[in-house]
């Protein structure tokens, strides 16, 4: 009897403590204010295989593809919407009109912004985002934002596995093509190539 009473009181205390913690915890509220703060400064928006597949199906890939490049800054190949040389921000962002050219079909990473997910918990990816704390957020909107963060995480994991493999296959193929081309070159062509390479080294 005494043990049961202690367990019951302990459980109630745990529930009360959790409720109090939730009351004090800052709530995630986000509404895009179209300020362009992130879009105009980001250097390479991640693009995943799921994005490419979706864009191919809905016919927008051909207009987006010229802006897709390969980023090696993380130590492995990653597809990104590549910032144009001499410019800043996402290439799909119209800074003059503060308008995203693919707003209704944004990359998964942008759909999740500014909420991230690491496989265990959610976190804010950009505390400088001007949309944080703006207005109100319904339970459905929060659920949608969390779902987007999870989808972004899962797509990132999948792409981070596939892209390096494809990259290594392409590079391996290029090495094979180079080797075969070298084998078919005349001695004169090989000498010319060596001269060019020496000039580059100098």
N, C-alpha and C. Protein backbone atom coordinates (compact mmCIF):
# COMPACT_ATOMS: atom_id res chain seq x y z
N UNK A 1 0.83 -1.21 0.00
CA UNK A 1 0.00 0.00 0.00
C UNK A 1 0.86 1.26 0.00
N UNK A 2 1.84 1.31 0.91
CA UNK A 2 2.71 2.49 1.02
C UNK A 2 3.51 2.67 -0.27
N UNK A 3 4.02 1.54 -0.81
CA UNK A 3 4.82 1.59 -2.04
C UNK A 3 3.97 2.10 -3.20
N UNK A 4 2.73 1.58 -3.29
CA UNK A 4 1.82 2.03 -4.35
C UNK A 4 1.53 3.52 -4.25
N UNK A 5 1.36 3.99 -3.01
CA UNK A 5 1.08 5.41 -2.78
C UNK A 5 2.28 6.26 -3.22
N UNK A 6 3.48 5.81 -2.85
CA UNK A 6 4.71 6.54 -3.22
C UNK A 6 4.86 6.59 -4.74
N UNK A 7 4.59 5.44 -5.41
CA UNK A 7 4.68 5.39 -6.87
C UNK A 7 3.69 6.35 -7.52
N UNK A 8 2.48 6.38 -6.97
CA UNK A 8 1.43 7.26 -7.51
C UNK A 8 1.82 8.73 -7.37
N UNK A 9 2.32 9.09 -6.19
CA UNK A 9 2.74 10.47 -5.94
C UNK A 9 3.91 10.84 -6.84
N UNK A 10 4.86 9.91 -6.99
CA UNK A 10 6.04 10.15 -7.84
C UNK A 10 5.62 10.38 -9.29
N UNK A 11 4.69 9.55 -9.79
CA UNK A 11 4.20 9.70 -11.17
C UNK A 11 3.54 11.06 -11.37
N UNK A 12 2.74 11.48 -10.38
CA UNK A 12 2.07 12.78 -10.47
C UNK A 12 3.08 13.92 -10.50
N UNK A 13 4.13 13.78 -9.67
CA UNK A 13 5.18 14.80 -9.64
C UNK A 13 5.91 14.90 -10.98
N UNK A 14 6.19 13.74 -11.57
CA UNK A 14 6.87 13.70 -12.88
C UNK A 14 6.01 14.40 -13.93
N UNK A 15 4.71 14.10 -13.94
CA UNK A 15 3.78 14.72 -14.89
C UNK A 15 3.73 16.23 -14.69
N UNK A 16 3.63 16.66 -13.41
CA UNK A 16 3.58 18.09 -13.10
C UNK A 16 4.86 18.81 -13.53
N UNK A 17 6.01 18.16 -13.30
CA UNK A 17 7.29 18.75 -13.68
C UNK A 17 7.39 18.88 -15.20
N UNK A 18 6.92 17.85 -15.91
CA UNK A 18 6.94 17.88 -17.38
C UNK A 18 6.05 18.99 -17.92
N UNK A 19 4.87 19.13 -17.28
CA UNK A 19 3.93 20.18 -17.71
C UNK A 19 4.53 21.56 -17.47
N UNK A 20 5.18 21.72 -16.31
CA UNK A 20 5.80 23.01 -15.98
C UNK A 20 6.94 23.33 -16.95
N UNK A 21 7.70 22.28 -17.30
CA UNK A 21 8.81 22.45 -18.24
C UNK A 21 8.27 22.88 -19.61
N UNK A 22 7.17 22.25 -20.04
CA UNK A 22 6.56 22.59 -21.33
C UNK A 22 6.02 24.01 -21.34
N UNK A 23 5.52 24.47 -20.17
CA UNK A 23 5.00 25.84 -20.08
C UNK A 23 6.12 26.85 -20.30
N UNK A 24 7.29 26.54 -19.71
CA UNK A 24 8.42 27.46 -19.77
C UNK A 24 9.22 27.35 -21.07
N UNK A 25 9.07 26.21 -21.77
CA UNK A 25 9.83 26.01 -23.00
C UNK A 25 9.33 26.96 -24.09
N UNK A 26 10.25 27.58 -24.82
CA UNK A 26 9.81 28.48 -25.89
C UNK A 26 9.11 27.70 -26.99
N UNK A 27 7.98 28.22 -27.45
CA UNK A 27 7.24 27.54 -28.50
C UNK A 27 7.78 27.96 -29.85
N UNK A 28 7.81 26.99 -30.78
CA UNK A 28 8.26 27.30 -32.14
C UNK A 28 7.11 27.92 -32.90
N UNK A 29 7.28 29.17 -33.26
CA UNK A 29 6.28 29.89 -34.07
C UNK A 29 7.03 30.51 -35.24
N UNK A 30 6.57 30.20 -36.44
CA UNK A 30 7.24 30.73 -37.63
C UNK A 30 6.23 31.02 -38.73
N UNK A 31 6.36 32.19 -39.30
CA UNK A 31 5.59 32.57 -40.48
C UNK A 31 6.50 33.40 -41.37
N UNK A 32 6.70 32.92 -42.60
CA UNK A 32 7.59 33.61 -43.53
C UNK A 32 7.09 35.03 -43.79
N UNK A 33 8.00 35.99 -43.65
CA UNK A 33 7.62 37.40 -43.88
C UNK A 33 8.18 37.91 -45.21
N UNK A 34 8.71 36.97 -46.01
CA UNK A 34 9.26 37.30 -47.34
C UNK A 34 10.33 38.40 -47.26
N UNK A 35 11.19 38.32 -46.24
CA UNK A 35 12.22 39.35 -46.06
C UNK A 35 13.44 39.10 -46.94
N UNK A 36 13.65 37.83 -47.32
CA UNK A 36 14.79 37.49 -48.16
C UNK A 36 16.11 37.41 -47.42
N UNK A 37 16.06 37.49 -46.09
CA UNK A 37 17.27 37.49 -45.27
C UNK A 37 18.13 36.24 -45.55
N UNK A 38 17.52 35.07 -45.58
CA UNK A 38 18.25 33.83 -45.84
C UNK A 38 18.51 33.66 -47.33
N UNK A 39 17.47 33.83 -48.13
CA UNK A 39 17.54 33.59 -49.58
C UNK A 39 18.60 34.44 -50.28
N UNK A 40 18.79 35.66 -49.80
CA UNK A 40 19.73 36.58 -50.45
C UNK A 40 21.16 36.41 -49.97
N UNK A 41 21.37 35.60 -48.92
CA UNK A 41 22.72 35.43 -48.38
C UNK A 41 23.25 34.00 -48.44
N UNK A 42 22.35 33.02 -48.56
CA UNK A 42 22.77 31.62 -48.54
C UNK A 42 23.75 31.33 -49.67
N UNK A 43 24.74 30.49 -49.37
CA UNK A 43 25.72 30.11 -50.39
C UNK A 43 25.56 28.63 -50.70
N UNK A 44 24.73 28.31 -51.67
CA UNK A 44 24.51 26.92 -52.05
C UNK A 44 23.38 26.27 -51.27
N UNK A 45 22.18 26.27 -51.85
CA UNK A 45 21.03 25.61 -51.21
C UNK A 45 21.10 24.11 -51.52
N UNK A 46 21.11 23.24 -50.50
CA UNK A 46 21.17 21.79 -50.77
C UNK A 46 20.01 21.32 -51.64
N UNK A 47 20.35 20.46 -52.60
CA UNK A 47 19.35 19.84 -53.48
C UNK A 47 19.50 18.34 -53.34
N UNK A 48 18.38 17.65 -53.15
CA UNK A 48 18.40 16.21 -52.93
C UNK A 48 17.81 15.46 -54.12
N UNK A 49 18.02 14.15 -54.14
CA UNK A 49 17.47 13.33 -55.21
C UNK A 49 15.95 13.43 -55.27
N UNK A 50 15.33 13.54 -54.10
CA UNK A 50 13.87 13.69 -54.05
C UNK A 50 13.43 14.97 -54.77
N UNK A 51 14.21 16.03 -54.63
CA UNK A 51 13.91 17.29 -55.33
C UNK A 51 13.98 17.08 -56.84
N UNK A 52 15.08 16.46 -57.29
CA UNK A 52 15.27 16.23 -58.72
C UNK A 52 14.14 15.40 -59.31
N UNK A 53 13.77 14.35 -58.57
CA UNK A 53 12.69 13.47 -59.03
C UNK A 53 11.37 14.22 -59.13
N UNK A 54 11.07 15.04 -58.12
CA UNK A 54 9.82 15.81 -58.10
C UNK A 54 9.80 16.84 -59.23
N UNK A 55 10.91 17.54 -59.42
CA UNK A 55 10.98 18.55 -60.47
C UNK A 55 10.89 17.92 -61.86
N UNK A 56 11.47 16.71 -62.00
CA UNK A 56 11.39 16.03 -63.30
C UNK A 56 9.95 15.67 -63.62
N UNK A 57 9.23 15.18 -62.60
CA UNK A 57 7.83 14.77 -62.80
C UNK A 57 6.92 15.95 -63.13
N UNK A 58 7.16 17.10 -62.49
CA UNK A 58 6.25 18.22 -62.73
C UNK A 58 6.74 19.18 -63.83
N UNK A 59 7.86 18.83 -64.46
CA UNK A 59 8.32 19.59 -65.62
C UNK A 59 9.12 20.84 -65.35
N UNK A 60 9.55 21.05 -64.10
CA UNK A 60 10.32 22.27 -63.79
C UNK A 60 11.83 22.04 -63.75
N UNK A 61 12.26 20.78 -63.88
CA UNK A 61 13.69 20.48 -63.77
C UNK A 61 14.52 21.21 -64.83
N UNK A 62 14.00 21.29 -66.04
CA UNK A 62 14.77 21.92 -67.13
C UNK A 62 15.09 23.39 -66.84
N UNK A 63 14.20 24.08 -66.14
CA UNK A 63 14.45 25.50 -65.83
C UNK A 63 15.35 25.66 -64.60
N UNK A 64 15.36 24.65 -63.72
CA UNK A 64 16.17 24.72 -62.50
C UNK A 64 17.58 24.15 -62.72
N UNK A 65 17.68 23.13 -63.59
CA UNK A 65 18.94 22.40 -63.81
C UNK A 65 20.16 23.27 -64.08
N UNK A 66 20.06 24.36 -64.87
CA UNK A 66 21.25 25.18 -65.12
C UNK A 66 21.85 25.80 -63.85
N UNK A 67 21.08 25.84 -62.78
CA UNK A 67 21.55 26.43 -61.52
C UNK A 67 22.07 25.39 -60.52
N UNK A 68 22.04 24.12 -60.92
CA UNK A 68 22.49 23.05 -60.01
C UNK A 68 23.97 22.78 -60.23
N UNK A 69 24.72 22.76 -59.14
CA UNK A 69 26.15 22.50 -59.21
C UNK A 69 26.57 21.52 -58.13
N UNK A 70 27.87 21.26 -58.06
CA UNK A 70 28.42 20.33 -57.08
C UNK A 70 29.25 21.11 -56.07
N UNK A 71 28.97 20.92 -54.79
CA UNK A 71 29.70 21.59 -53.72
C UNK A 71 30.56 20.57 -52.99
N UNK A 72 31.85 20.89 -52.80
CA UNK A 72 32.77 19.97 -52.12
C UNK A 72 33.25 20.53 -50.78
N UNK A 73 32.63 21.61 -50.30
CA UNK A 73 33.11 22.27 -49.08
C UNK A 73 32.99 21.42 -47.82
N UNK A 74 32.10 20.42 -47.85
CA UNK A 74 31.92 19.55 -46.67
C UNK A 74 32.87 18.34 -46.70
N UNK A 75 33.69 18.26 -47.76
CA UNK A 75 34.61 17.13 -47.88
C UNK A 75 34.07 15.99 -48.72
N UNK A 76 32.83 16.13 -49.16
CA UNK A 76 32.23 15.13 -50.05
C UNK A 76 31.29 15.85 -51.01
N UNK A 77 31.02 15.27 -52.18
CA UNK A 77 30.18 15.96 -53.16
C UNK A 77 28.73 16.10 -52.72
N UNK A 78 28.18 17.29 -52.92
CA UNK A 78 26.79 17.56 -52.55
C UNK A 78 26.17 18.45 -53.63
N UNK A 79 24.98 18.07 -54.09
CA UNK A 79 24.28 18.87 -55.08
C UNK A 79 23.71 20.12 -54.41
N UNK A 80 23.84 21.26 -55.09
CA UNK A 80 23.32 22.52 -54.54
C UNK A 80 22.78 23.40 -55.66
N UNK A 81 21.89 24.33 -55.28
CA UNK A 81 21.56 25.44 -56.17
C UNK A 81 22.72 26.40 -56.01
N UNK A 82 23.52 26.50 -57.03
CA UNK A 82 24.82 27.17 -56.94
C UNK A 82 24.71 28.68 -57.12
N UNK A 83 25.31 29.40 -56.18
CA UNK A 83 25.35 30.86 -56.27
C UNK A 83 26.20 31.26 -57.47
N UNK A 84 25.68 32.17 -58.28
CA UNK A 84 26.39 32.59 -59.48
C UNK A 84 27.63 33.41 -59.10
N UNK A 85 28.66 33.29 -59.94
CA UNK A 85 29.91 34.00 -59.68
C UNK A 85 29.68 35.50 -59.61
N UNK A 86 30.24 36.11 -58.58
CA UNK A 86 30.11 37.55 -58.40
C UNK A 86 28.80 37.98 -57.76
N UNK A 87 27.97 36.99 -57.40
CA UNK A 87 26.68 37.30 -56.77
C UNK A 87 26.59 36.63 -55.40
N UNK A 88 25.55 36.91 -54.67
CA UNK A 88 25.31 36.26 -53.38
C UNK A 88 23.89 35.71 -53.37
N UNK A 89 23.70 34.69 -52.54
CA UNK A 89 22.36 34.14 -52.37
C UNK A 89 21.96 33.08 -53.37
N UNK A 90 20.75 32.63 -53.22
CA UNK A 90 20.19 31.57 -54.06
C UNK A 90 19.93 32.11 -55.48
N UNK A 91 20.30 31.34 -56.52
CA UNK A 91 20.09 31.80 -57.89
C UNK A 91 18.61 31.86 -58.29
N UNK A 92 17.74 31.21 -57.50
CA UNK A 92 16.31 31.21 -57.81
C UNK A 92 15.58 32.36 -57.09
N UNK A 93 16.35 33.18 -56.36
CA UNK A 93 15.73 34.28 -55.61
C UNK A 93 15.88 35.59 -56.37
N UNK A 94 14.77 36.26 -56.59
CA UNK A 94 14.74 37.56 -57.25
C UNK A 94 14.80 38.63 -56.15
N UNK A 95 16.01 39.14 -55.89
CA UNK A 95 16.20 40.07 -54.77
C UNK A 95 15.50 41.41 -55.00
N UNK A 96 15.35 41.80 -56.25
CA UNK A 96 14.69 43.08 -56.55
C UNK A 96 13.22 43.07 -56.13
N UNK A 97 12.55 41.95 -56.42
CA UNK A 97 11.12 41.82 -56.08
C UNK A 97 10.87 41.01 -54.81
N UNK A 98 11.99 40.57 -54.17
CA UNK A 98 11.90 39.72 -52.97
C UNK A 98 10.94 38.55 -53.22
N UNK A 99 11.27 37.80 -54.26
CA UNK A 99 10.39 36.73 -54.70
C UNK A 99 11.19 35.49 -55.09
N UNK A 100 10.76 34.33 -54.60
CA UNK A 100 11.38 33.05 -54.97
C UNK A 100 10.73 32.55 -56.26
N UNK A 101 11.55 32.25 -57.26
CA UNK A 101 11.03 31.80 -58.55
C UNK A 101 10.46 30.39 -58.51
N UNK A 102 10.77 29.65 -57.44
CA UNK A 102 10.22 28.29 -57.29
C UNK A 102 9.48 28.18 -55.95
N UNK A 103 8.84 29.27 -55.54
CA UNK A 103 8.19 29.31 -54.22
C UNK A 103 7.19 28.18 -54.01
N UNK A 104 6.44 27.81 -55.04
CA UNK A 104 5.42 26.77 -54.90
C UNK A 104 5.99 25.36 -55.06
N UNK A 105 7.29 25.27 -55.34
CA UNK A 105 7.93 23.96 -55.46
C UNK A 105 9.39 24.06 -55.02
N UNK A 106 9.58 24.64 -53.84
CA UNK A 106 10.91 24.88 -53.32
C UNK A 106 11.66 23.58 -53.01
N UNK A 107 13.00 23.64 -52.96
CA UNK A 107 13.77 22.48 -52.49
C UNK A 107 13.30 22.09 -51.09
N UNK A 108 13.41 20.82 -50.75
CA UNK A 108 12.97 20.33 -49.44
C UNK A 108 13.64 21.09 -48.31
N UNK A 109 14.91 21.45 -48.51
CA UNK A 109 15.64 22.18 -47.48
C UNK A 109 14.98 23.52 -47.18
N UNK A 110 14.48 24.19 -48.21
CA UNK A 110 13.80 25.48 -48.04
C UNK A 110 12.42 25.31 -47.42
N UNK A 111 11.76 24.19 -47.75
CA UNK A 111 10.43 23.93 -47.18
C UNK A 111 10.52 23.74 -45.67
N UNK A 112 11.63 23.15 -45.21
CA UNK A 112 11.82 22.89 -43.78
C UNK A 112 12.29 24.14 -43.01
N UNK A 113 13.00 25.02 -43.68
CA UNK A 113 13.58 26.22 -43.04
C UNK A 113 12.52 27.00 -42.27
N UNK A 114 12.85 27.49 -41.05
CA UNK A 114 14.12 27.41 -40.34
C UNK A 114 14.17 26.29 -39.30
N UNK A 115 13.40 25.23 -39.54
CA UNK A 115 13.38 24.11 -38.60
C UNK A 115 14.22 22.96 -39.14
N UNK A 116 15.07 22.42 -38.28
CA UNK A 116 15.90 21.28 -38.66
C UNK A 116 15.56 20.07 -37.82
N UNK A 117 16.04 18.92 -38.25
CA UNK A 117 15.83 17.66 -37.52
C UNK A 117 17.09 16.84 -37.70
N UNK A 118 17.57 16.21 -36.62
CA UNK A 118 18.82 15.45 -36.70
C UNK A 118 18.63 13.95 -36.50
N UNK A 119 17.40 13.48 -36.64
CA UNK A 119 17.12 12.06 -36.43
C UNK A 119 16.59 11.77 -35.05
N UNK A 120 16.75 12.73 -34.13
CA UNK A 120 16.27 12.56 -32.76
C UNK A 120 15.43 13.74 -32.29
N UNK A 121 15.88 14.94 -32.62
CA UNK A 121 15.14 16.11 -32.13
C UNK A 121 15.13 17.24 -33.16
N UNK A 122 14.20 18.17 -32.94
CA UNK A 122 14.06 19.33 -33.81
C UNK A 122 14.89 20.48 -33.25
N UNK A 123 15.34 21.36 -34.13
CA UNK A 123 16.11 22.52 -33.70
C UNK A 123 15.96 23.64 -34.73
N UNK A 124 16.20 24.86 -34.29
CA UNK A 124 16.13 26.01 -35.19
C UNK A 124 17.47 26.13 -35.91
N UNK A 125 17.43 26.17 -37.23
CA UNK A 125 18.66 26.21 -38.03
C UNK A 125 19.21 27.63 -38.21
N UNK A 126 18.33 28.61 -38.07
CA UNK A 126 18.75 30.01 -38.27
C UNK A 126 18.00 30.92 -37.30
N UNK A 127 18.65 31.23 -36.18
CA UNK A 127 17.99 32.05 -35.15
C UNK A 127 17.82 33.51 -35.57
N UNK A 128 18.49 33.89 -36.67
CA UNK A 128 18.36 35.27 -37.17
C UNK A 128 17.15 35.42 -38.09
N UNK A 129 16.46 34.31 -38.37
CA UNK A 129 15.29 34.34 -39.26
C UNK A 129 14.24 35.31 -38.72
N UNK A 130 13.83 36.25 -39.56
CA UNK A 130 12.88 37.29 -39.13
C UNK A 130 11.45 36.77 -39.00
N UNK A 131 11.19 35.57 -39.52
CA UNK A 131 9.85 35.00 -39.42
C UNK A 131 9.59 34.29 -38.10
N UNK A 132 10.66 34.05 -37.31
CA UNK A 132 10.50 33.39 -36.02
C UNK A 132 9.74 34.29 -35.06
N UNK A 133 8.74 33.71 -34.38
CA UNK A 133 7.96 34.46 -33.41
C UNK A 133 6.93 35.39 -34.03
N UNK A 134 6.77 35.32 -35.35
CA UNK A 134 5.82 36.20 -36.03
C UNK A 134 4.43 35.58 -36.08
N UNK A 135 3.44 36.30 -35.61
CA UNK A 135 2.05 35.83 -35.68
C UNK A 135 1.80 34.61 -34.82
N UNK A 136 0.90 33.77 -35.29
CA UNK A 136 0.54 32.54 -34.58
C UNK A 136 0.76 31.34 -35.48
N UNK A 137 0.83 30.18 -34.84
CA UNK A 137 1.03 28.95 -35.59
C UNK A 137 0.08 27.90 -35.05
N UNK A 138 -0.75 27.34 -35.92
CA UNK A 138 -1.70 26.32 -35.49
C UNK A 138 -0.98 24.99 -35.31
N UNK A 139 -1.65 24.05 -34.66
CA UNK A 139 -1.08 22.71 -34.47
C UNK A 139 -0.82 22.05 -35.82
N UNK A 140 -1.72 22.27 -36.79
CA UNK A 140 -1.55 21.69 -38.13
C UNK A 140 -0.34 22.29 -38.84
N UNK A 141 -0.15 23.60 -38.69
CA UNK A 141 1.00 24.26 -39.31
C UNK A 141 2.31 23.76 -38.71
N UNK A 142 2.31 23.58 -37.39
CA UNK A 142 3.50 23.07 -36.71
C UNK A 142 3.80 21.65 -37.16
N UNK A 143 2.76 20.84 -37.27
CA UNK A 143 2.92 19.45 -37.73
C UNK A 143 3.50 19.43 -39.15
N UNK A 144 2.99 20.30 -40.01
CA UNK A 144 3.48 20.39 -41.39
C UNK A 144 4.95 20.79 -41.42
N UNK A 145 5.32 21.75 -40.56
CA UNK A 145 6.71 22.21 -40.50
C UNK A 145 7.63 21.10 -39.99
N UNK A 146 7.16 20.37 -38.98
CA UNK A 146 7.96 19.26 -38.44
C UNK A 146 8.11 18.14 -39.47
N UNK A 147 7.01 17.85 -40.18
CA UNK A 147 7.06 16.82 -41.23
C UNK A 147 8.07 17.22 -42.30
N UNK A 148 8.08 18.50 -42.66
CA UNK A 148 9.01 19.00 -43.68
C UNK A 148 10.45 18.84 -43.21
N UNK A 149 10.71 19.11 -41.92
CA UNK A 149 12.06 18.97 -41.36
C UNK A 149 12.50 17.51 -41.38
N UNK A 150 11.57 16.59 -41.09
CA UNK A 150 11.89 15.16 -41.11
C UNK A 150 12.18 14.69 -42.53
N UNK A 151 11.33 15.11 -43.47
CA UNK A 151 11.52 14.74 -44.88
C UNK A 151 12.86 15.27 -45.38
N UNK A 152 13.19 16.50 -44.99
CA UNK A 152 14.47 17.11 -45.37
C UNK A 152 15.63 16.27 -44.85
N UNK A 153 15.54 15.85 -43.59
CA UNK A 153 16.59 15.04 -42.97
C UNK A 153 16.76 13.70 -43.70
N UNK A 154 15.64 13.02 -43.96
CA UNK A 154 15.68 11.72 -44.62
C UNK A 154 16.23 11.83 -46.04
N UNK A 155 15.82 12.87 -46.75
CA UNK A 155 16.30 13.09 -48.12
C UNK A 155 17.79 13.40 -48.13
N UNK A 156 18.25 14.15 -47.11
CA UNK A 156 19.67 14.49 -46.99
C UNK A 156 20.50 13.23 -46.77
N UNK A 157 20.04 12.36 -45.88
CA UNK A 157 20.76 11.11 -45.59
C UNK A 157 20.87 10.27 -46.85
N UNK A 158 19.75 10.15 -47.57
CA UNK A 158 19.74 9.35 -48.80
C UNK A 158 20.68 9.94 -49.85
N UNK A 159 20.60 11.25 -50.06
CA UNK A 159 21.44 11.90 -51.07
C UNK A 159 22.92 11.85 -50.70
N UNK A 160 23.22 12.00 -49.40
CA UNK A 160 24.62 11.95 -48.96
C UNK A 160 25.23 10.57 -49.14
N UNK A 161 24.37 9.56 -49.32
CA UNK A 161 24.85 8.21 -49.60
C UNK A 161 25.01 8.01 -51.10
N UNK A 162 24.02 8.48 -51.87
CA UNK A 162 23.99 8.22 -53.31
C UNK A 162 24.94 9.12 -54.11
N UNK A 163 24.94 10.43 -53.82
CA UNK A 163 25.72 11.37 -54.64
C UNK A 163 27.22 11.03 -54.67
N UNK A 164 27.86 10.75 -53.51
CA UNK A 164 29.28 10.39 -53.58
C UNK A 164 29.54 9.14 -54.43
N UNK A 165 28.61 8.18 -54.39
CA UNK A 165 28.77 6.97 -55.21
C UNK A 165 28.72 7.31 -56.69
N UNK A 166 27.73 8.12 -57.07
CA UNK A 166 27.60 8.54 -58.47
C UNK A 166 28.84 9.34 -58.89
N UNK A 167 29.27 10.22 -57.99
CA UNK A 167 30.44 11.05 -58.27
C UNK A 167 31.68 10.17 -58.51
N UNK A 168 31.85 9.15 -57.66
CA UNK A 168 33.02 8.27 -57.81
C UNK A 168 32.94 7.46 -59.10
N UNK A 169 31.72 7.05 -59.49
CA UNK A 169 31.54 6.31 -60.74
C UNK A 169 31.89 7.21 -61.92
N UNK A 170 31.39 8.47 -61.89
CA UNK A 170 31.68 9.42 -62.97
C UNK A 170 33.18 9.70 -63.05
N UNK A 171 33.81 9.93 -61.88
CA UNK A 171 35.24 10.21 -61.86
C UNK A 171 36.04 9.01 -62.34
N UNK A 172 35.61 7.81 -61.93
CA UNK A 172 36.27 6.58 -62.38
C UNK A 172 36.16 6.43 -63.89
N UNK A 173 34.98 6.75 -64.42
CA UNK A 173 34.75 6.68 -65.86
C UNK A 173 35.64 7.69 -66.60
N UNK A 174 35.76 8.90 -66.03
CA UNK A 174 36.61 9.93 -66.64
C UNK A 174 38.08 9.50 -66.64
N UNK A 175 38.50 8.86 -65.54
CA UNK A 175 39.89 8.37 -65.46
C UNK A 175 40.13 7.31 -66.53
N UNK A 176 39.15 6.39 -66.69
CA UNK A 176 39.26 5.35 -67.73
C UNK A 176 39.33 5.96 -69.12
N UNK A 177 38.48 6.97 -69.36
CA UNK A 177 38.48 7.63 -70.67
C UNK A 177 39.81 8.33 -70.93
N UNK A 178 40.35 8.95 -69.88
CA UNK A 178 41.64 9.64 -70.01
C UNK A 178 42.76 8.65 -70.31
N UNK A 179 42.72 7.51 -69.60
CA UNK A 179 43.75 6.48 -69.82
C UNK A 179 43.70 5.96 -71.25
N UNK A 180 42.47 5.68 -71.73
CA UNK A 180 42.31 5.17 -73.09
C UNK A 180 42.75 6.20 -74.12
N UNK A 181 42.41 7.47 -73.85
CA UNK A 181 42.81 8.55 -74.76
C UNK A 181 44.33 8.66 -74.82
N UNK A 182 44.98 8.51 -73.65
CA UNK A 182 46.44 8.57 -73.59
C UNK A 182 47.07 7.44 -74.39
N UNK A 183 46.46 6.25 -74.28
CA UNK A 183 46.98 5.08 -75.00
C UNK A 183 46.90 5.28 -76.51
N UNK A 184 45.88 6.01 -76.96
CA UNK A 184 45.67 6.21 -78.40
C UNK A 184 46.42 7.42 -78.96
N UNK A 185 47.09 8.16 -78.08
CA UNK A 185 47.81 9.35 -78.54
C UNK A 185 49.14 8.97 -79.18
N UNK A 186 49.53 9.78 -80.15
CA UNK A 186 50.84 9.57 -80.78
C UNK A 186 51.91 10.11 -79.83
N UNK A 187 53.17 9.75 -80.09
CA UNK A 187 54.27 10.24 -79.25
C UNK A 187 54.35 11.76 -79.29
N UNK A 188 54.06 12.33 -80.47
CA UNK A 188 54.10 13.79 -80.62
C UNK A 188 53.02 14.46 -79.77
N UNK A 189 51.83 13.87 -79.76
CA UNK A 189 50.73 14.41 -78.95
C UNK A 189 51.04 14.32 -77.46
N UNK A 190 51.66 13.20 -77.06
CA UNK A 190 52.04 13.02 -75.65
C UNK A 190 53.07 14.08 -75.22
N UNK A 191 54.04 14.36 -76.13
CA UNK A 191 55.05 15.38 -75.84
C UNK A 191 54.40 16.76 -75.69
N UNK A 192 53.43 17.05 -76.58
CA UNK A 192 52.73 18.34 -76.51
C UNK A 192 51.96 18.47 -75.19
N UNK A 193 51.32 17.38 -74.78
CA UNK A 193 50.56 17.37 -73.53
C UNK A 193 51.47 17.60 -72.33
N UNK A 194 52.65 16.95 -72.35
CA UNK A 194 53.60 17.12 -71.25
C UNK A 194 54.09 18.57 -71.18
N UNK A 195 54.31 19.19 -72.35
CA UNK A 195 54.74 20.59 -72.38
C UNK A 195 53.68 21.50 -71.77
N UNK A 196 52.41 21.23 -72.10
CA UNK A 196 51.30 22.03 -71.56
C UNK A 196 51.22 21.89 -70.05
N UNK A 197 51.38 20.65 -69.56
CA UNK A 197 51.31 20.39 -68.12
C UNK A 197 52.46 21.06 -67.38
N UNK A 198 53.63 21.10 -68.01
CA UNK A 198 54.78 21.76 -67.39
C UNK A 198 54.54 23.26 -67.27
N UNK A 199 53.91 23.84 -68.32
CA UNK A 199 53.59 25.27 -68.30
C UNK A 199 52.63 25.61 -67.17
N UNK A 200 51.64 24.71 -66.94
CA UNK A 200 50.67 24.92 -65.86
C UNK A 200 51.34 24.87 -64.50
N UNK A 201 52.34 23.98 -64.35
CA UNK A 201 53.04 23.84 -63.07
C UNK A 201 53.88 25.09 -62.79
N UNK A 202 54.47 25.65 -63.87
CA UNK A 202 55.29 26.85 -63.71
C UNK A 202 54.42 28.05 -63.39
